[in-house]
Amino acid sequence: MKHLMILIVIVAFISCSKDDGAIPERVSIEDVPAVTTNLESGKTVDTIRLSGSPGNYEGKVKVALYFNDATPPAKVDIVVRKNGAASNVKLYKADVTSLPVNFTIKVSDLETLFGAAIKASDSYDFAPDIYVKDKKYEAFPVTGIGSGSGVTGMSAVGFGEFVRFYVK
């Protein structure tokens, strides 16, 4: 009887396999590259000081593929969100097709985009909307988690989901 039970267990193990067949067409898997957004210094936060000459401020931002050998997106649009409100997002640079890309943020750019002078306690977040084939992955969608949300703790390994400029 003991040998029969062992035989049944062995047959059960040998005959078990997991094969659900091909992925159904209704399931879509896309390779969305990790796009990192950092200050040129590598940090993700900077401060625009109202004391002194805020009009002379220049923030240097770099948007790049996190993995250099990854397939790049078709394009990215660089967008900016004011005060963390997903309902207040403006287009900063459209149709960027070559990464990495560097750009300089000036106070006059922010004031023009949002139609108001910067003021203390404002914050401005820069990140890419990522286009893969005919799909757009928004950095700051009105609902849900954006494409720039990243994995918690990734800043420790140099990944920046977005760059934030505080006004003080």
N, C-alpha and C. Protein backbone atom coordinates (compact mmCIF):
# COMPACT_ATOMS: atom_id res chain seq x y z
N MET A 1 0.82 -1.19 0.00
CA MET A 1 0.00 0.00 0.00
C MET A 1 0.87 1.26 0.00
N LYS A 2 1.96 1.22 0.78
CA LYS A 2 2.86 2.36 0.86
C LYS A 2 3.48 2.65 -0.51
N HIS A 3 3.86 1.59 -1.24
CA HIS A 3 4.46 1.76 -2.56
C HIS A 3 3.45 2.33 -3.55
N LEU A 4 2.21 1.96 -3.40
CA LEU A 4 1.16 2.47 -4.28
C LEU A 4 0.99 3.98 -4.09
N MET A 5 1.02 4.43 -2.85
CA MET A 5 0.88 5.87 -2.56
C MET A 5 2.07 6.66 -3.13
N ILE A 6 3.27 6.12 -3.01
CA ILE A 6 4.45 6.78 -3.56
C ILE A 6 4.34 6.86 -5.08
N LEU A 7 3.88 5.78 -5.70
CA LEU A 7 3.69 5.75 -7.14
C LEU A 7 2.67 6.80 -7.59
N ILE A 8 1.59 6.95 -6.84
CA ILE A 8 0.56 7.94 -7.18
C ILE A 8 1.13 9.35 -7.07
N VAL A 9 1.91 9.61 -6.04
CA VAL A 9 2.51 10.94 -5.87
C VAL A 9 3.49 11.23 -7.01
N ILE A 10 4.30 10.25 -7.38
CA ILE A 10 5.25 10.45 -8.47
C ILE A 10 4.52 10.70 -9.78
N VAL A 11 3.50 9.94 -10.07
CA VAL A 11 2.72 10.13 -11.29
C VAL A 11 2.06 11.50 -11.30
N ALA A 12 1.55 11.92 -10.15
CA ALA A 12 0.91 13.24 -10.06
C ALA A 12 1.90 14.35 -10.37
N PHE A 13 3.12 14.25 -9.82
CA PHE A 13 4.14 15.26 -10.10
C PHE A 13 4.54 15.28 -11.56
N ILE A 14 4.74 14.13 -12.13
CA ILE A 14 5.19 14.04 -13.51
C ILE A 14 4.12 14.53 -14.47
N SER A 15 2.87 14.26 -14.16
CA SER A 15 1.80 14.62 -15.10
C SER A 15 1.33 16.05 -14.96
N CYS A 16 1.75 16.75 -13.93
CA CYS A 16 1.34 18.15 -13.75
C CYS A 16 2.16 19.07 -14.66
N SER A 17 1.47 19.90 -15.39
CA SER A 17 2.15 20.93 -16.17
C SER A 17 1.23 22.12 -16.31
N LYS A 18 1.81 23.26 -16.47
CA LYS A 18 1.04 24.49 -16.60
C LYS A 18 1.24 25.02 -18.00
N ASP A 19 0.23 24.87 -18.84
CA ASP A 19 0.31 25.38 -20.20
C ASP A 19 -1.07 25.88 -20.58
N ASP A 20 -1.24 27.18 -20.50
CA ASP A 20 -2.53 27.77 -20.85
C ASP A 20 -2.59 28.15 -22.32
N GLY A 21 -1.57 27.77 -23.05
CA GLY A 21 -1.57 28.10 -24.47
C GLY A 21 -1.07 29.51 -24.71
N ALA A 22 -1.29 29.98 -25.92
CA ALA A 22 -0.83 31.32 -26.32
C ALA A 22 -1.63 32.39 -25.58
N ILE A 23 -1.03 33.57 -25.46
CA ILE A 23 -1.73 34.70 -24.85
C ILE A 23 -2.87 35.11 -25.77
N PRO A 24 -4.09 35.20 -25.23
CA PRO A 24 -5.22 35.60 -26.08
C PRO A 24 -5.00 36.98 -26.68
N GLU A 25 -5.58 37.22 -27.84
CA GLU A 25 -5.41 38.51 -28.52
C GLU A 25 -5.92 39.68 -27.70
N ARG A 26 -6.90 39.44 -26.85
CA ARG A 26 -7.48 40.53 -26.06
C ARG A 26 -6.53 41.03 -24.98
N VAL A 27 -5.46 40.26 -24.68
CA VAL A 27 -4.47 40.67 -23.71
C VAL A 27 -3.32 41.32 -24.46
N SER A 28 -3.02 42.55 -24.10
CA SER A 28 -1.97 43.29 -24.79
C SER A 28 -0.83 43.55 -23.81
N ILE A 29 0.36 43.20 -24.21
CA ILE A 29 1.54 43.47 -23.40
C ILE A 29 2.43 44.40 -24.21
N GLU A 30 2.73 45.57 -23.63
CA GLU A 30 3.57 46.53 -24.33
C GLU A 30 4.84 46.77 -23.54
N ASP A 31 5.89 46.97 -24.25
CA ASP A 31 7.17 47.25 -23.65
C ASP A 31 7.30 48.76 -23.52
N VAL A 32 7.01 49.28 -22.32
CA VAL A 32 7.09 50.71 -22.07
C VAL A 32 8.42 50.98 -21.38
N PRO A 33 9.30 51.74 -22.02
CA PRO A 33 10.63 51.96 -21.44
C PRO A 33 10.56 52.83 -20.19
N ALA A 34 11.49 52.60 -19.29
CA ALA A 34 11.62 53.44 -18.09
C ALA A 34 12.34 54.72 -18.50
N VAL A 35 11.64 55.84 -18.39
CA VAL A 35 12.20 57.14 -18.74
C VAL A 35 12.41 57.91 -17.44
N THR A 36 13.63 58.33 -17.20
CA THR A 36 13.97 59.00 -15.95
C THR A 36 14.10 60.50 -16.16
N THR A 37 13.67 61.26 -15.16
CA THR A 37 13.72 62.72 -15.22
C THR A 37 14.47 63.21 -13.98
N ASN A 38 15.58 63.87 -14.20
CA ASN A 38 16.41 64.35 -13.09
C ASN A 38 16.97 65.73 -13.42
N LEU A 39 17.39 66.43 -12.38
CA LEU A 39 18.21 67.61 -12.60
C LEU A 39 19.54 67.13 -13.17
N GLU A 40 20.26 67.97 -13.86
CA GLU A 40 21.56 67.56 -14.39
C GLU A 40 22.49 67.10 -13.28
N SER A 41 22.27 67.60 -12.06
CA SER A 41 23.09 67.20 -10.92
C SER A 41 22.73 65.79 -10.44
N GLY A 42 21.62 65.24 -10.94
CA GLY A 42 21.18 63.90 -10.52
C GLY A 42 20.07 63.94 -9.49
N LYS A 43 19.88 65.07 -8.83
CA LYS A 43 18.81 65.19 -7.84
C LYS A 43 17.47 65.38 -8.55
N THR A 44 16.39 65.38 -7.77
CA THR A 44 15.06 65.56 -8.37
C THR A 44 14.31 66.76 -7.80
N VAL A 45 14.93 67.52 -6.90
CA VAL A 45 14.26 68.67 -6.29
C VAL A 45 15.20 69.86 -6.30
N ASP A 46 14.64 71.04 -6.61
CA ASP A 46 15.41 72.27 -6.56
C ASP A 46 14.49 73.39 -6.06
N THR A 47 15.09 74.49 -5.65
CA THR A 47 14.33 75.60 -5.09
C THR A 47 14.56 76.87 -5.90
N ILE A 48 13.48 77.55 -6.23
CA ILE A 48 13.54 78.87 -6.86
C ILE A 48 13.33 79.86 -5.72
N ARG A 49 14.31 80.68 -5.44
CA ARG A 49 14.23 81.63 -4.33
C ARG A 49 13.68 82.97 -4.83
N LEU A 50 12.64 83.45 -4.15
CA LEU A 50 12.06 84.74 -4.51
C LEU A 50 12.96 85.90 -4.09
N SER A 51 13.77 85.67 -3.04
CA SER A 51 14.70 86.72 -2.62
C SER A 51 15.84 86.78 -3.64
N GLY A 52 16.33 87.95 -3.89
CA GLY A 52 17.40 88.08 -4.88
C GLY A 52 16.83 88.33 -6.26
N SER A 53 17.22 87.53 -7.23
CA SER A 53 16.81 87.72 -8.62
C SER A 53 16.19 86.44 -9.18
N PRO A 54 14.93 86.16 -8.84
CA PRO A 54 14.33 84.91 -9.34
C PRO A 54 14.24 84.87 -10.86
N GLY A 55 14.20 86.04 -11.50
CA GLY A 55 14.14 86.09 -12.96
C GLY A 55 15.38 85.52 -13.64
N ASN A 56 16.48 85.43 -12.88
CA ASN A 56 17.73 84.89 -13.42
C ASN A 56 17.86 83.38 -13.18
N TYR A 57 16.90 82.78 -12.50
CA TYR A 57 16.99 81.36 -12.16
C TYR A 57 16.95 80.49 -13.42
N GLU A 58 17.79 79.47 -13.44
CA GLU A 58 17.78 78.47 -14.52
C GLU A 58 17.95 77.09 -13.91
N GLY A 59 16.94 76.24 -14.08
CA GLY A 59 17.02 74.85 -13.62
C GLY A 59 17.36 73.96 -14.80
N LYS A 60 18.38 73.15 -14.66
CA LYS A 60 18.85 72.27 -15.75
C LYS A 60 18.26 70.87 -15.54
N VAL A 61 17.45 70.42 -16.50
CA VAL A 61 16.75 69.13 -16.39
C VAL A 61 17.19 68.21 -17.52
N LYS A 62 17.30 66.92 -17.19
CA LYS A 62 17.66 65.90 -18.18
C LYS A 62 16.60 64.80 -18.16
N VAL A 63 16.10 64.45 -19.33
CA VAL A 63 15.17 63.33 -19.49
C VAL A 63 15.89 62.29 -20.34
N ALA A 64 15.94 61.04 -19.84
CA ALA A 64 16.71 60.00 -20.53
C ALA A 64 16.08 58.64 -20.29
N LEU A 65 16.50 57.67 -21.08
CA LEU A 65 16.13 56.29 -20.81
C LEU A 65 16.90 55.84 -19.57
N TYR A 66 16.23 55.16 -18.65
CA TYR A 66 16.91 54.67 -17.46
C TYR A 66 17.89 53.56 -17.84
N PHE A 67 17.45 52.68 -18.75
CA PHE A 67 18.32 51.62 -19.27
C PHE A 67 18.76 52.04 -20.67
N ASN A 68 20.03 52.35 -20.83
CA ASN A 68 20.53 52.91 -22.08
C ASN A 68 20.26 52.04 -23.30
N ASP A 69 20.22 50.72 -23.13
CA ASP A 69 20.03 49.83 -24.27
C ASP A 69 18.56 49.49 -24.54
N ALA A 70 17.64 50.13 -23.82
CA ALA A 70 16.21 49.87 -24.02
C ALA A 70 15.73 50.48 -25.33
N THR A 71 14.67 49.92 -25.87
CA THR A 71 14.04 50.50 -27.06
C THR A 71 13.35 51.80 -26.63
N PRO A 72 13.68 52.90 -27.26
CA PRO A 72 13.09 54.18 -26.84
C PRO A 72 11.62 54.28 -27.26
N PRO A 73 10.88 55.17 -26.62
CA PRO A 73 9.51 55.40 -27.05
C PRO A 73 9.50 56.10 -28.40
N ALA A 74 8.35 56.11 -29.06
CA ALA A 74 8.22 56.82 -30.33
C ALA A 74 8.54 58.31 -30.14
N LYS A 75 8.05 58.85 -29.02
CA LYS A 75 8.33 60.24 -28.67
C LYS A 75 7.90 60.45 -27.22
N VAL A 76 8.29 61.59 -26.67
CA VAL A 76 7.79 62.04 -25.38
C VAL A 76 7.40 63.50 -25.50
N ASP A 77 6.43 63.89 -24.71
CA ASP A 77 6.10 65.30 -24.52
C ASP A 77 6.49 65.63 -23.09
N ILE A 78 7.18 66.73 -22.88
CA ILE A 78 7.54 67.15 -21.54
C ILE A 78 6.41 68.04 -21.03
N VAL A 79 5.83 67.64 -19.90
CA VAL A 79 4.71 68.38 -19.32
C VAL A 79 5.10 68.89 -17.94
N VAL A 80 4.37 69.90 -17.48
CA VAL A 80 4.61 70.47 -16.16
C VAL A 80 3.28 70.60 -15.42
N ARG A 81 3.32 70.19 -14.16
CA ARG A 81 2.13 70.23 -13.28
C ARG A 81 2.40 71.27 -12.20
N LYS A 82 1.41 72.14 -11.99
CA LYS A 82 1.57 73.17 -10.96
C LYS A 82 0.85 72.75 -9.68
N ASN A 83 1.56 72.88 -8.57
CA ASN A 83 1.04 72.64 -7.23
C ASN A 83 0.42 71.25 -7.05
N GLY A 84 0.95 70.26 -7.75
CA GLY A 84 0.50 68.88 -7.58
C GLY A 84 -0.89 68.58 -8.08
N ALA A 85 -1.49 69.50 -8.83
CA ALA A 85 -2.86 69.32 -9.32
C ALA A 85 -2.84 68.73 -10.72
N ALA A 86 -3.32 67.50 -10.86
CA ALA A 86 -3.35 66.85 -12.17
C ALA A 86 -4.28 67.58 -13.14
N SER A 87 -5.15 68.41 -12.62
CA SER A 87 -6.03 69.20 -13.48
C SER A 87 -5.33 70.48 -13.99
N ASN A 88 -4.10 70.69 -13.53
CA ASN A 88 -3.36 71.89 -13.92
C ASN A 88 -2.01 71.50 -14.53
N VAL A 89 -2.08 70.82 -15.69
CA VAL A 89 -0.88 70.35 -16.39
C VAL A 89 -0.78 71.07 -17.73
N LYS A 90 0.40 71.56 -18.04
CA LYS A 90 0.65 72.27 -19.30
C LYS A 90 1.76 71.57 -20.08
N LEU A 91 1.70 71.70 -21.39
CA LEU A 91 2.73 71.16 -22.27
C LEU A 91 3.91 72.11 -22.32
N TYR A 92 5.11 71.60 -22.00
CA TYR A 92 6.32 72.41 -22.01
C TYR A 92 7.09 72.22 -23.32
N LYS A 93 7.36 70.97 -23.71
CA LYS A 93 8.05 70.66 -24.98
C LYS A 93 7.32 69.49 -25.64
N ALA A 94 6.96 69.65 -26.90
CA ALA A 94 6.22 68.60 -27.62
C ALA A 94 7.13 67.82 -28.54
N ASP A 95 6.76 66.57 -28.77
CA ASP A 95 7.36 65.72 -29.81
C ASP A 95 8.88 65.57 -29.70
N VAL A 96 9.36 65.26 -28.51
CA VAL A 96 10.79 64.99 -28.33
C VAL A 96 11.03 63.55 -28.78
N THR A 97 11.86 63.37 -29.80
CA THR A 97 12.06 62.04 -30.37
C THR A 97 13.45 61.47 -30.11
N SER A 98 14.32 62.25 -29.48
CA SER A 98 15.68 61.77 -29.22
C SER A 98 15.99 61.94 -27.74
N LEU A 99 16.35 60.83 -27.09
CA LEU A 99 16.71 60.87 -25.68
C LEU A 99 18.17 60.43 -25.56
N PRO A 100 18.94 61.00 -24.67
CA PRO A 100 18.55 61.96 -23.66
C PRO A 100 18.37 63.36 -24.23
N VAL A 101 17.59 64.16 -23.50
CA VAL A 101 17.39 65.55 -23.87
C VAL A 101 17.59 66.39 -22.62
N ASN A 102 18.25 67.52 -22.79
CA ASN A 102 18.46 68.46 -21.70
C ASN A 102 17.72 69.74 -22.03
N PHE A 103 17.15 70.34 -21.00
CA PHE A 103 16.53 71.65 -21.21
C PHE A 103 16.66 72.48 -19.95
N THR A 104 16.50 73.78 -20.14
CA THR A 104 16.67 74.74 -19.05
C THR A 104 15.32 75.36 -18.70
N ILE A 105 14.98 75.32 -17.43
CA ILE A 105 13.73 75.90 -16.94
C ILE A 105 14.03 77.31 -16.43
N LYS A 106 13.27 78.26 -16.92
CA LYS A 106 13.40 79.65 -16.47
C LYS A 106 12.09 80.08 -15.83
N VAL A 107 12.17 81.03 -14.93
CA VAL A 107 10.98 81.54 -14.27
C VAL A 107 10.01 82.11 -15.31
N SER A 108 10.53 82.79 -16.32
CA SER A 108 9.66 83.37 -17.35
C SER A 108 8.88 82.28 -18.09
N ASP A 109 9.49 81.08 -18.28
CA ASP A 109 8.78 79.96 -18.92
C ASP A 109 7.57 79.56 -18.09
N LEU A 110 7.77 79.44 -16.77
CA LEU A 110 6.68 79.03 -15.88
C LEU A 110 5.57 80.07 -15.85
N GLU A 111 5.95 81.33 -15.78
CA GLU A 111 4.95 82.39 -15.74
C GLU A 111 4.17 82.47 -17.04
N THR A 112 4.81 82.27 -18.16
CA THR A 112 4.12 82.27 -19.45
C THR A 112 3.17 81.08 -19.57
N LEU A 113 3.65 79.90 -19.20
CA LEU A 113 2.82 78.68 -19.29
C LEU A 113 1.54 78.79 -18.47
N PHE A 114 1.66 79.29 -17.25
CA PHE A 114 0.51 79.29 -16.34
C PHE A 114 -0.18 80.66 -16.23
N GLY A 115 0.34 81.66 -16.93
CA GLY A 115 -0.33 82.96 -16.99
C GLY A 115 -0.37 83.71 -15.68
N ALA A 116 0.59 83.45 -14.80
CA ALA A 116 0.64 84.14 -13.50
C ALA A 116 2.07 84.15 -12.99
N ALA A 117 2.38 85.17 -12.20
CA ALA A 117 3.71 85.25 -11.59
C ALA A 117 3.87 84.11 -10.58
N ILE A 118 5.10 83.61 -10.45
CA ILE A 118 5.35 82.59 -9.44
C ILE A 118 5.19 83.22 -8.07
N LYS A 119 4.82 82.41 -7.09
CA LYS A 119 4.70 82.92 -5.73
C LYS A 119 5.16 81.86 -4.74
N ALA A 120 5.47 82.31 -3.53
CA ALA A 120 5.95 81.40 -2.50
C ALA A 120 4.96 80.26 -2.30
N SER A 121 5.48 79.08 -2.10
CA SER A 121 4.76 77.81 -1.88
C SER A 121 4.24 77.17 -3.17
N ASP A 122 4.48 77.78 -4.33
CA ASP A 122 4.16 77.10 -5.59
C ASP A 122 5.14 75.94 -5.77
N SER A 123 4.70 74.91 -6.50
CA SER A 123 5.61 73.86 -6.93
C SER A 123 5.30 73.53 -8.38
N TYR A 124 6.34 73.15 -9.11
CA TYR A 124 6.22 72.82 -10.53
C TYR A 124 6.94 71.49 -10.77
N ASP A 125 6.20 70.51 -11.28
CA ASP A 125 6.73 69.17 -11.53
C ASP A 125 6.85 68.93 -13.03
N PHE A 126 8.04 68.53 -13.48
CA PHE A 126 8.30 68.24 -14.89
C PHE A 126 8.47 66.74 -15.07
N ALA A 127 7.81 66.18 -16.09
CA ALA A 127 7.91 64.75 -16.39
C ALA A 127 7.49 64.52 -17.84
N PRO A 128 7.81 63.34 -18.39
CA PRO A 128 7.43 63.05 -19.77
C PRO A 128 6.12 62.28 -19.88
N ASP A 129 5.28 62.66 -20.84
CA ASP A 129 4.22 61.79 -21.33
C ASP A 129 4.91 60.89 -22.34
N ILE A 130 4.73 59.58 -22.23
CA ILE A 130 5.45 58.62 -23.06
C ILE A 130 4.51 58.04 -24.11
N TYR A 131 4.96 58.04 -25.36
CA TYR A 131 4.17 57.48 -26.47
C TYR A 131 4.83 56.19 -26.95
N VAL A 132 4.08 55.09 -26.89
CA VAL A 132 4.54 53.80 -27.39
C VAL A 132 3.51 53.36 -28.42
N LYS A 133 3.97 53.22 -29.66
CA LYS A 133 3.07 52.93 -30.79
C LYS A 133 1.99 54.00 -30.81
N ASP A 134 0.72 53.61 -30.71
CA ASP A 134 -0.35 54.60 -30.77
C ASP A 134 -0.93 54.91 -29.39
N LYS A 135 -0.23 54.51 -28.32
CA LYS A 135 -0.72 54.73 -26.96
C LYS A 135 0.09 55.81 -26.26
N LYS A 136 -0.62 56.60 -25.45
CA LYS A 136 0.02 57.65 -24.67
C LYS A 136 -0.07 57.28 -23.20
N TYR A 137 1.06 57.30 -22.51
CA TYR A 137 1.12 57.07 -21.07
C TYR A 137 1.42 58.40 -20.41
N GLU A 138 0.41 58.95 -19.75
CA GLU A 138 0.52 60.29 -19.18
C GLU A 138 1.31 60.30 -17.88
N ALA A 139 2.11 61.32 -17.72
CA ALA A 139 2.87 61.49 -16.48
C ALA A 139 1.93 61.86 -15.33
N PHE A 140 0.97 62.72 -15.59
CA PHE A 140 0.07 63.22 -14.55
C PHE A 140 -1.38 63.14 -15.02
N PRO A 141 -1.95 61.93 -15.11
CA PRO A 141 -3.35 61.83 -15.56
C PRO A 141 -4.30 62.40 -14.51
N VAL A 142 -5.47 62.82 -14.96
CA VAL A 142 -6.46 63.38 -14.04
C VAL A 142 -6.89 62.33 -13.02
N THR A 143 -7.02 61.07 -13.44
CA THR A 143 -7.34 59.99 -12.52
C THR A 143 -6.31 58.87 -12.66
N GLY A 144 -6.06 58.17 -11.59
CA GLY A 144 -5.15 57.04 -11.64
C GLY A 144 -3.70 57.44 -11.42
N ILE A 145 -2.83 56.45 -11.58
CA ILE A 145 -1.40 56.64 -11.37
C ILE A 145 -0.75 56.91 -12.71
N GLY A 146 0.12 57.88 -12.76
CA GLY A 146 0.76 58.26 -14.01
C GLY A 146 1.92 57.38 -14.39
N SER A 147 2.38 57.58 -15.61
CA SER A 147 3.50 56.78 -16.12
C SER A 147 4.79 57.10 -15.38
N GLY A 148 4.84 58.25 -14.76
CA GLY A 148 6.05 58.63 -14.04
C GLY A 148 6.04 58.22 -12.59
N SER A 149 5.05 57.42 -12.19
CA SER A 149 4.94 57.10 -10.77
C SER A 149 6.09 56.26 -10.27
N GLY A 150 6.67 55.43 -11.13
CA GLY A 150 7.84 54.66 -10.76
C GLY A 150 7.60 53.70 -9.61
N VAL A 151 8.66 53.12 -9.14
CA VAL A 151 8.61 52.19 -8.02
C VAL A 151 9.15 52.92 -6.81
N THR A 152 8.46 52.82 -5.68
CA THR A 152 8.89 53.50 -4.47
C THR A 152 10.34 53.14 -4.15
N GLY A 153 11.14 54.13 -3.87
CA GLY A 153 12.52 53.90 -3.51
C GLY A 153 13.50 53.90 -4.67
N MET A 154 13.00 54.08 -5.90
CA MET A 154 13.88 54.03 -7.06
C MET A 154 14.84 55.23 -7.11
N SER A 155 14.53 56.31 -6.40
CA SER A 155 15.45 57.45 -6.41
C SER A 155 16.80 57.07 -5.82
N ALA A 156 16.83 56.04 -4.98
CA ALA A 156 18.09 55.59 -4.39
C ALA A 156 19.04 55.02 -5.45
N VAL A 157 18.49 54.61 -6.60
CA VAL A 157 19.33 54.07 -7.67
C VAL A 157 19.35 54.99 -8.88
N GLY A 158 19.02 56.27 -8.67
CA GLY A 158 19.14 57.26 -9.73
C GLY A 158 17.93 57.46 -10.61
N PHE A 159 16.81 56.79 -10.32
CA PHE A 159 15.61 56.97 -11.14
C PHE A 159 14.81 58.14 -10.61
N GLY A 160 14.45 59.09 -11.48
CA GLY A 160 13.62 60.21 -11.09
C GLY A 160 12.31 60.14 -11.85
N GLU A 161 11.21 60.03 -11.12
CA GLU A 161 9.92 60.00 -11.80
C GLU A 161 9.54 61.38 -12.31
N PHE A 162 9.92 62.42 -11.58
CA PHE A 162 9.73 63.80 -12.05
C PHE A 162 10.67 64.71 -11.29
N VAL A 163 10.89 65.90 -11.84
CA VAL A 163 11.69 66.92 -11.17
C VAL A 163 10.72 67.95 -10.61
N ARG A 164 10.92 68.33 -9.34
CA ARG A 164 10.07 69.33 -8.69
C ARG A 164 10.87 70.57 -8.38
N PHE A 165 10.28 71.71 -8.74
CA PHE A 165 10.86 73.01 -8.38
C PHE A 165 9.93 73.66 -7.38
N TYR A 166 10.45 73.94 -6.17
CA TYR A 166 9.70 74.66 -5.14
C TYR A 166 10.01 76.14 -5.24
N VAL A 167 9.03 76.97 -4.95
CA VAL A 167 9.25 78.42 -4.90
C VAL A 167 9.21 78.82 -3.43
N LYS A 168 10.32 79.46 -2.97
CA LYS A 168 10.40 79.90 -1.56
C LYS A 168 10.86 81.33 -1.49
